[in-house]
PDB file of N, CA and C in Angstrom:
ATOM      1  N   UNK A   1      -0.701 -13.160  -4.833  1.00  0.00           N
ATOM      2  CA  UNK A   1      -0.268 -12.448  -6.093  1.00  0.00           C
ATOM      3  C   UNK A   1       1.367 -12.060  -5.689  1.00  0.00           C
ATOM      4  N   UNK A   2       2.007 -12.267  -6.247  1.00  0.00           N
ATOM      5  CA  UNK A   2       3.598 -12.140  -6.316  1.00  0.00           C
ATOM      6  C   UNK A   2       4.096 -10.681  -6.896  1.00  0.00           C
ATOM      7  N   UNK A   3       4.221  -9.630  -6.166  1.00  0.00           N
ATOM      8  CA  UNK A   3       4.523  -8.535  -6.496  1.00  0.00           C
ATOM      9  C   UNK A   3       5.869  -7.897  -5.906  1.00  0.00           C
ATOM     10  N   UNK A   4       6.653  -8.846  -5.815  1.00  0.00           N
ATOM     11  CA  UNK A   4       7.909  -8.087  -4.414  1.00  0.00           C
ATOM     12  C   UNK A   4       8.919  -7.311  -5.308  1.00  0.00           C
ATOM     13  N   UNK A   5       9.011  -6.408  -5.222  1.00  0.00           N
ATOM     14  CA  UNK A   5       9.810  -5.172  -6.012  1.00  0.00           C
ATOM     15  C   UNK A   5       9.648  -4.640  -7.285  1.00  0.00           C
ATOM     16  N   UNK A   6       8.225  -4.651  -7.245  1.00  0.00           N
ATOM     17  CA  UNK A   6       7.692  -3.888  -8.578  1.00  0.00           C
ATOM     18  C   UNK A   6       7.811  -2.375  -8.672  1.00  0.00           C
ATOM     19  N   UNK A   7       8.077  -2.321  -9.971  1.00  0.00           N
ATOM     20  CA  UNK A   7       7.930  -0.579  -9.767  1.00  0.00           C
ATOM     21  C   UNK A   7       6.548  -0.629 -10.609  1.00  0.00           C
ATOM     22  N   UNK A   8       5.326   0.232  -9.461  1.00  0.00           N
ATOM     23  CA  UNK A   8       4.377   1.050 -10.097  1.00  0.00           C
ATOM     24  C   UNK A   8       4.430   2.480  -9.887  1.00  0.00           C
ATOM     25  N   UNK A   9       5.520   2.689  -9.659  1.00  0.00           N
ATOM     26  CA  UNK A   9       5.420   4.142  -9.262  1.00  0.00           C
ATOM     27  C   UNK A   9       4.722   5.217 -10.525  1.00  0.00           C
ATOM     28  N   UNK A  10       3.804   6.034  -9.688  1.00  0.00           N
ATOM     29  CA  UNK A  10       2.908   6.931 -10.695  1.00  0.00           C
ATOM     30  C   UNK A  10       1.906   6.393 -11.340  1.00  0.00           C
ATOM     31  N   UNK A  11       1.316   5.177 -10.838  1.00  0.00           N
ATOM     32  CA  UNK A  11       0.449   4.567 -11.638  1.00  0.00           C
ATOM     33  C   UNK A  11      -1.015   4.504 -11.210  1.00  0.00           C
ATOM     34  N   UNK A  12      -2.339   4.791 -11.741  1.00  0.00           N
ATOM     35  CA  UNK A  12      -3.330   5.423 -11.036  1.00  0.00           C
ATOM     36  C   UNK A  12      -4.020   3.510 -11.095  1.00  0.00           C
ATOM     37  N   UNK A  13      -3.854   2.931  -9.570  1.00  0.00           N
ATOM     38  CA  UNK A  13      -4.559   2.122  -9.120  1.00  0.00           C
ATOM     39  C   UNK A  13      -5.876   1.849  -8.068  1.00  0.00           C
ATOM     40  N   UNK A  14      -6.385   3.039  -8.738  1.00  0.00           N
ATOM     41  CA  UNK A  14      -7.682   2.936  -7.545  1.00  0.00           C
ATOM     42  C   UNK A  14      -8.832   1.883  -7.779  1.00  0.00           C
ATOM     43  N   UNK A  15      -9.205   1.531  -6.689  1.00  0.00           N
ATOM     44  CA  UNK A  15     -10.183   0.558  -6.166  1.00  0.00           C
ATOM     45  C   UNK A  15      -9.334  -1.012  -6.658  1.00  0.00           C
ATOM     46  N   UNK A  16      -8.035  -1.175  -6.858  1.00  0.00           N
ATOM     47  CA  UNK A  16      -7.408  -2.136  -7.052  1.00  0.00           C
ATOM     48  C   UNK A  16      -7.428  -3.001  -5.953  1.00  0.00           C
ATOM     49  N   UNK A  17      -7.692  -4.619  -6.077  1.00  0.00           N
ATOM     50  CA  UNK A  17      -7.460  -5.362  -5.216  1.00  0.00           C
ATOM     51  C   UNK A  17      -6.309  -6.100  -5.328  1.00  0.00           C
ATOM     52  N   UNK A  18      -5.475  -6.044  -3.643  1.00  0.00           N
ATOM     53  CA  UNK A  18      -4.282  -6.658  -3.689  1.00  0.00           C
ATOM     54  C   UNK A  18      -4.448  -7.611  -2.551  1.00  0.00           C
ATOM     55  N   UNK A  19      -5.262  -8.146  -2.146  1.00  0.00           N
ATOM     56  CA  UNK A  19      -5.718  -9.201  -1.062  1.00  0.00           C
ATOM     57  C   UNK A  19      -4.756 -10.196  -0.802  1.00  0.00           C
ATOM     58  N   UNK A  20      -4.000 -10.122  -0.112  1.00  0.00           N
ATOM     59  CA  UNK A  20      -2.882 -11.427   0.362  1.00  0.00           C
ATOM     60  C   UNK A  20      -1.737 -11.219  -0.572  1.00  0.00           C
ATOM     61  N   UNK A  21      -1.341 -10.220  -1.395  1.00  0.00           N
ATOM     62  CA  UNK A  21      -0.361  -9.729  -2.009  1.00  0.00           C
ATOM     63  C   UNK A  21       0.852  -9.312  -1.546  1.00  0.00           C
ATOM     64  N   UNK A  22       1.735  -9.938  -2.116  1.00  0.00           N
ATOM     65  CA  UNK A  22       3.232  -9.774  -1.422  1.00  0.00           C
ATOM     66  C   UNK A  22       3.832  -8.479  -1.953  1.00  0.00           C
ATOM     67  N   UNK A  23       3.983  -7.216  -1.743  1.00  0.00           N
ATOM     68  CA  UNK A  23       4.477  -6.245  -1.981  1.00  0.00           C
ATOM     69  C   UNK A  23       5.645  -5.742  -1.816  1.00  0.00           C
ATOM     70  N   UNK A  24       6.173  -6.589  -1.046  1.00  0.00           N
ATOM     71  CA  UNK A  24       7.884  -6.690  -0.309  1.00  0.00           C
ATOM     72  C   UNK A  24       8.568  -5.674  -1.459  1.00  0.00           C
ATOM     73  N   UNK A  25       8.657  -4.838  -0.676  1.00  0.00           N
ATOM     74  CA  UNK A  25      10.040  -3.789  -1.420  1.00  0.00           C
ATOM     75  C   UNK A  25       9.481  -3.057  -2.798  1.00  0.00           C
ATOM     76  N   UNK A  26       8.089  -2.890  -2.872  1.00  0.00           N
ATOM     77  CA  UNK A  26       7.950  -3.065  -4.355  1.00  0.00           C
ATOM     78  C   UNK A  26       7.755  -0.923  -4.198  1.00  0.00           C
ATOM     79  N   UNK A  27       7.989  -0.258  -5.449  1.00  0.00           N
ATOM     80  CA  UNK A  27       8.222   1.173  -5.304  1.00  0.00           C
ATOM     81  C   UNK A  27       6.558   1.602  -6.089  1.00  0.00           C
ATOM     82  N   UNK A  28       5.752   1.989  -4.974  1.00  0.00           N
ATOM     83  CA  UNK A  28       4.343   2.689  -5.123  1.00  0.00           C
ATOM     84  C   UNK A  28       4.154   4.223  -4.903  1.00  0.00           C
ATOM     85  N   UNK A  29       5.858   4.946  -5.190  1.00  0.00           N
ATOM     86  CA  UNK A  29       5.691   6.445  -5.019  1.00  0.00           C
ATOM     87  C   UNK A  29       4.861   6.763  -6.003  1.00  0.00           C
ATOM     88  N   UNK A  30       4.182   8.280  -5.520  1.00  0.00           N
ATOM     89  CA  UNK A  30       3.316   8.369  -6.174  1.00  0.00           C
ATOM     90  C   UNK A  30       2.046   8.062  -7.157  1.00  0.00           C
ATOM     91  N   UNK A  31       2.028   6.893  -6.546  1.00  0.00           N
ATOM     92  CA  UNK A  31       0.622   6.120  -6.991  1.00  0.00           C
ATOM     93  C   UNK A  31      -0.473   6.721  -6.667  1.00  0.00           C
ATOM     94  N   UNK A  32      -1.784   6.430  -7.417  1.00  0.00           N
ATOM     95  CA  UNK A  32      -3.131   6.547  -6.836  1.00  0.00           C
ATOM     96  C   UNK A  32      -3.566   5.428  -6.342  1.00  0.00           C
ATOM     97  N   UNK A  33      -3.653   5.318  -5.252  1.00  0.00           N
ATOM     98  CA  UNK A  33      -4.278   4.117  -4.899  1.00  0.00           C
ATOM     99  C   UNK A  33      -5.499   3.957  -3.793  1.00  0.00           C
ATOM    100  N   UNK A  34      -6.821   5.205  -4.362  1.00  0.00           N
ATOM    101  CA  UNK A  34      -7.409   5.552  -3.443  1.00  0.00           C
ATOM    102  C   UNK A  34      -8.521   4.437  -3.695  1.00  0.00           C
ATOM    103  N   UNK A  35      -8.787   3.768  -2.393  1.00  0.00           N
ATOM    104  CA  UNK A  35     -10.216   2.633  -2.268  1.00  0.00           C
ATOM    105  C   UNK A  35      -9.267   1.321  -2.432  1.00  0.00           C
ATOM    106  N   UNK A  36      -8.649   1.361  -2.704  1.00  0.00           N
ATOM    107  CA  UNK A  36      -7.576   0.004  -2.755  1.00  0.00           C
ATOM    108  C   UNK A  36      -7.784  -1.040  -1.794  1.00  0.00           C
ATOM    109  N   UNK A  37      -7.384  -2.058  -1.704  1.00  0.00           N
ATOM    110  CA  UNK A  37      -7.358  -3.386  -0.679  1.00  0.00           C
ATOM    111  C   UNK A  37      -6.107  -3.777  -0.807  1.00  0.00           C
ATOM    112  N   UNK A  38      -5.773  -4.039   0.600  1.00  0.00           N
ATOM    113  CA  UNK A  38      -4.200  -4.567   0.446  1.00  0.00           C
ATOM    114  C   UNK A  38      -4.936  -5.123   2.219  1.00  0.00           C
ATOM    115  N   UNK A  39      -5.884  -5.890   2.351  1.00  0.00           N
ATOM    116  CA  UNK A  39      -5.807  -6.442   3.477  1.00  0.00           C
ATOM    117  C   UNK A  39      -5.278  -7.798   3.305  1.00  0.00           C
ATOM    118  N   UNK A  40      -4.579  -8.240   4.762  1.00  0.00           N
ATOM    119  CA  UNK A  40      -3.883  -9.434   4.612  1.00  0.00           C
ATOM    120  C   UNK A  40      -2.358  -9.379   3.852  1.00  0.00           C
ATOM    121  N   UNK A  41      -2.292  -8.204   3.519  1.00  0.00           N
ATOM    122  CA  UNK A  41      -0.910  -8.042   2.188  1.00  0.00           C
ATOM    123  C   UNK A  41       0.175  -7.888   2.937  1.00  0.00           C
ATOM    124  N   UNK A  42       1.336  -8.092   2.963  1.00  0.00           N
ATOM    125  CA  UNK A  42       2.941  -8.018   2.649  1.00  0.00           C
ATOM    126  C   UNK A  42       3.218  -6.568   2.013  1.00  0.00           C
ATOM    127  N   UNK A  43       3.730  -5.540   3.133  1.00  0.00           N
ATOM    128  CA  UNK A  43       4.211  -4.778   2.083  1.00  0.00           C
ATOM    129  C   UNK A  43       5.451  -4.029   2.745  1.00  0.00           C
ATOM    130  N   UNK A  44       6.102  -5.217   3.309  1.00  0.00           N
ATOM    131  CA  UNK A  44       7.539  -4.661   4.285  1.00  0.00           C
ATOM    132  C   UNK A  44       8.493  -4.014   2.965  1.00  0.00           C
ATOM    133  N   UNK A  45       8.651  -2.817   3.903  1.00  0.00           N
ATOM    134  CA  UNK A  45       9.696  -2.172   2.742  1.00  0.00           C
ATOM    135  C   UNK A  45       9.176  -1.510   1.551  1.00  0.00           C
ATOM    136  N   UNK A  46       7.764  -1.226   1.673  1.00  0.00           N
ATOM    137  CA  UNK A  46       7.499  -0.573   0.504  1.00  0.00           C
ATOM    138  C   UNK A  46       7.475   0.716   0.532  1.00  0.00           C
ATOM    139  N   UNK A  47       8.219   1.483  -0.798  1.00  0.00           N
ATOM    140  CA  UNK A  47       7.988   2.926  -0.533  1.00  0.00           C
ATOM    141  C   UNK A  47       6.925   3.352  -1.051  1.00  0.00           C
ATOM    142  N   UNK A  48       6.046   4.050  -0.599  1.00  0.00           N
ATOM    143  CA  UNK A  48       4.978   4.069  -0.609  1.00  0.00           C
ATOM    144  C   UNK A  48       4.371   6.448  -0.484  1.00  0.00           C
ATOM    145  N   UNK A  49       5.735   6.690  -0.527  1.00  0.00           N
ATOM    146  CA  UNK A  49       5.873   8.164  -0.483  1.00  0.00           C
ATOM    147  C   UNK A  49       4.870   8.828  -1.471  1.00  0.00           C
ATOM    148  N   UNK A  50       4.848  10.083  -1.035  1.00  0.00           N
ATOM    149  CA  UNK A  50       3.852  10.435  -1.934  1.00  0.00           C
ATOM    150  C   UNK A  50       2.420   9.969  -2.988  1.00  0.00           C
ATOM    151  N   UNK A  51       1.871   9.174  -2.230  1.00  0.00           N
ATOM    152  CA  UNK A  51       0.639   8.272  -2.661  1.00  0.00           C
ATOM    153  C   UNK A  51      -0.759   8.722  -2.111  1.00  0.00           C
ATOM    154  N   UNK A  52      -1.688   8.754  -2.944  1.00  0.00           N
ATOM    155  CA  UNK A  52      -3.055   8.568  -2.229  1.00  0.00           C
ATOM    156  C   UNK A  52      -3.727   7.767  -1.923  1.00  0.00           C
ATOM    157  N   UNK A  53      -3.560   7.327  -0.762  1.00  0.00           N
ATOM    158  CA  UNK A  53      -4.333   6.542   0.038  1.00  0.00           C
ATOM    159  C   UNK A  53      -5.591   6.405   0.977  1.00  0.00           C
ATOM    160  N   UNK A  54      -6.285   7.180   0.073  1.00  0.00           N
ATOM    161  CA  UNK A  54      -7.394   7.574   0.365  1.00  0.00           C
ATOM    162  C   UNK A  54      -8.433   6.318   0.853  1.00  0.00           C
ATOM    163  N   UNK A  55      -8.920   6.105   1.840  1.00  0.00           N
ATOM    164  CA  UNK A  55     -10.206   5.125   1.776  1.00  0.00           C
ATOM    165  C   UNK A  55      -9.449   3.515   1.778  1.00  0.00           C
ATOM    166  N   UNK A  56      -8.085   3.733   1.688  1.00  0.00           N
ATOM    167  CA  UNK A  56      -7.164   1.989   1.705  1.00  0.00           C
ATOM    168  C   UNK A  56      -7.705   1.407   2.258  1.00  0.00           C
ATOM    169  N   UNK A  57      -7.815  -0.074   2.364  1.00  0.00           N
ATOM    170  CA  UNK A  57      -7.828  -1.277   3.314  1.00  0.00           C
ATOM    171  C   UNK A  57      -6.599  -1.661   3.806  1.00  0.00           C
ATOM    172  N   UNK A  58      -6.022  -1.463   4.750  1.00  0.00           N
ATOM    173  CA  UNK A  58      -4.599  -1.753   5.351  1.00  0.00           C
ATOM    174  C   UNK A  58      -4.963  -3.093   6.261  1.00  0.00           C
ATOM    175  N   UNK A  59      -5.835  -3.516   6.532  1.00  0.00           N
ATOM    176  CA  UNK A  59      -6.906  -4.718   7.865  1.00  0.00           C
ATOM    177  C   UNK A  59      -5.694  -5.777   7.676  1.00  0.00           C
ATOM    178  N   UNK A  60      -5.065  -5.659   8.505  1.00  0.00           N
ATOM    179  CA  UNK A  60      -4.067  -6.839   8.976  1.00  0.00           C
ATOM    180  C   UNK A  60      -3.080  -7.297   7.989  1.00  0.00           C
ATOM    181  N   UNK A  61      -2.276  -5.892   7.764  1.00  0.00           N
ATOM    182  CA  UNK A  61      -1.330  -5.955   6.513  1.00  0.00           C
ATOM    183  C   UNK A  61      -0.097  -5.593   7.235  1.00  0.00           C
ATOM    184  N   UNK A  62       1.023  -6.172   6.757  1.00  0.00           N
ATOM    185  CA  UNK A  62       1.910  -5.995   6.933  1.00  0.00           C
ATOM    186  C   UNK A  62       2.528  -4.663   6.442  1.00  0.00           C
ATOM    187  N   UNK A  63       3.205  -3.640   7.535  1.00  0.00           N
ATOM    188  CA  UNK A  63       3.593  -2.580   7.080  1.00  0.00           C
ATOM    189  C   UNK A  63       4.838  -2.232   7.438  1.00  0.00           C
ATOM    190  N   UNK A  64       5.579  -2.852   7.913  1.00  0.00           N
ATOM    191  CA  UNK A  64       7.075  -2.911   8.425  1.00  0.00           C
ATOM    192  C   UNK A  64       7.866  -2.047   7.407  1.00  0.00           C
ATOM    193  N   UNK A  65       8.774  -1.080   8.090  1.00  0.00           N
ATOM    194  CA  UNK A  65       9.872  -0.181   7.833  1.00  0.00           C
ATOM    195  C   UNK A  65       9.314   0.443   6.303  1.00  0.00           C
ATOM    196  N   UNK A  66       7.950   0.712   5.909  1.00  0.00           N
ATOM    197  CA  UNK A  66       7.660   1.294   4.753  1.00  0.00           C
ATOM    198  C   UNK A  66       7.381   2.837   4.701  1.00  0.00           C
ATOM    199  N   UNK A  67       7.540   3.321   4.111  1.00  0.00           N
ATOM    200  CA  UNK A  67       7.964   4.782   3.716  1.00  0.00           C
ATOM    201  C   UNK A  67       6.564   5.560   3.532  1.00  0.00           C
ATOM    202  N   UNK A  68       5.785   5.973   4.396  1.00  0.00           N
ATOM    203  CA  UNK A  68       4.440   6.760   4.189  1.00  0.00           C
ATOM    204  C   UNK A  68       4.906   8.337   4.006  1.00  0.00           C
ATOM    205  N   UNK A  69       6.184   8.448   3.366  1.00  0.00           N
ATOM    206  CA  UNK A  69       6.367  10.442   3.602  1.00  0.00           C
ATOM    207  C   UNK A  69       5.254  11.221   2.405  1.00  0.00           C
ATOM    208  N   UNK A  70       5.083  11.998   3.028  1.00  0.00           N
ATOM    209  CA  UNK A  70       3.918  12.815   2.503  1.00  0.00           C
ATOM    210  C   UNK A  70       2.837  12.134   1.685  1.00  0.00           C
ATOM    211  N   UNK A  71       2.357  11.193   2.242  1.00  0.00           N
ATOM    212  CA  UNK A  71       1.062  10.039   2.009  1.00  0.00           C
ATOM    213  C   UNK A  71      -0.238  10.503   2.423  1.00  0.00           C
ATOM    214  N   UNK A  72      -1.071  10.545   1.585  1.00  0.00           N
ATOM    215  CA  UNK A  72      -2.672  10.772   2.044  1.00  0.00           C
ATOM    216  C   UNK A  72      -3.085   9.492   2.592  1.00  0.00           C
ATOM    217  N   UNK A  73      -3.521   9.751   4.075  1.00  0.00           N
ATOM    218  CA  UNK A  73      -3.830   8.827   4.505  1.00  0.00           C
ATOM    219  C   UNK A  73      -5.345   8.498   4.844  1.00  0.00           C
ATOM    220  N   UNK A  74      -5.869   9.675   4.695  1.00  0.00           N
ATOM    221  CA  UNK A  74      -7.538  10.244   4.783  1.00  0.00           C
ATOM    222  C   UNK A  74      -8.382   8.899   4.849  1.00  0.00           C
ATOM    223  N   UNK A  75      -8.788   8.489   5.941  1.00  0.00           N
ATOM    224  CA  UNK A  75      -9.815   7.500   6.054  1.00  0.00           C
ATOM    225  C   UNK A  75      -9.392   6.230   5.868  1.00  0.00           C
ATOM    226  N   UNK A  76      -8.147   5.981   5.983  1.00  0.00           N
ATOM    227  CA  UNK A  76      -7.277   4.333   5.539  1.00  0.00           C
ATOM    228  C   UNK A  76      -7.491   3.602   6.808  1.00  0.00           C
ATOM    229  N   UNK A  77      -8.053   2.545   6.693  1.00  0.00           N
ATOM    230  CA  UNK A  77      -7.992   1.529   7.551  1.00  0.00           C
ATOM    231  C   UNK A  77      -6.882   0.766   7.549  1.00  0.00           C
ATOM    232  N   UNK A  78      -6.196   1.237   9.248  1.00  0.00           N
ATOM    233  CA  UNK A  78      -5.207   0.457   9.403  1.00  0.00           C
ATOM    234  C   UNK A  78      -5.268  -0.823  10.728  1.00  0.00           C
ATOM    235  N   UNK A  79      -6.801  -0.830  10.816  1.00  0.00           N
ATOM    236  CA  UNK A  79      -7.124  -1.903  12.264  1.00  0.00           C
ATOM    237  C   UNK A  79      -6.079  -3.052  11.985  1.00  0.00           C
ATOM    238  N   UNK A  80      -5.911  -3.723  12.897  1.00  0.00           N
ATOM    239  CA  UNK A  80      -4.985  -4.657  13.201  1.00  0.00           C
ATOM    240  C   UNK A  80      -3.401  -4.822  12.448  1.00  0.00           C
ATOM    241  N   UNK A  81      -2.993  -3.844  11.668  1.00  0.00           N
ATOM    242  CA  UNK A  81      -2.207  -3.779  10.752  1.00  0.00           C
ATOM    243  C   UNK A  81      -0.345  -3.994  11.419  1.00  0.00           C
ATOM    244  N   UNK A  82       0.258  -4.488  10.624  1.00  0.00           N
ATOM    245  CA  UNK A  82       1.688  -4.429  11.946  1.00  0.00           C
ATOM    246  C   UNK A  82       2.272  -3.179  10.714  1.00  0.00           C
ATOM    247  N   UNK A  83       2.582  -2.074  11.837  1.00  0.00           N
ATOM    248  CA  UNK A  83       3.273  -0.858  11.354  1.00  0.00           C
ATOM    249  C   UNK A  83       4.973  -0.830  12.022  1.00  0.00           C
TER     250      UNK A  83
END
C-alpha cells in the first residue's frame, strides 16, 4: 500500500492494518492509531507527533528519522524495528 506523504492528521485509525505499507513522509500527527498494525511497514521521516500508539505493532518496521514527540507508546511492540 503506497501512502507516501499522505496527510492523515487527526484521523481515527484504531486497529487499522498497514502491513507492509509505505508511509514515508506521511503526516499522522494527532491520529488515534490504537492497536494498529505497522508490521514490516516503512515509516521513514513520518510525523507521529501527539499520536495515540497504544498497543501498536511496529514489528520489523523502518521508523528512521520519524517524530514521536509526545506520542503515547504504551504497550507498543517495537521488536526488530529500525529506529
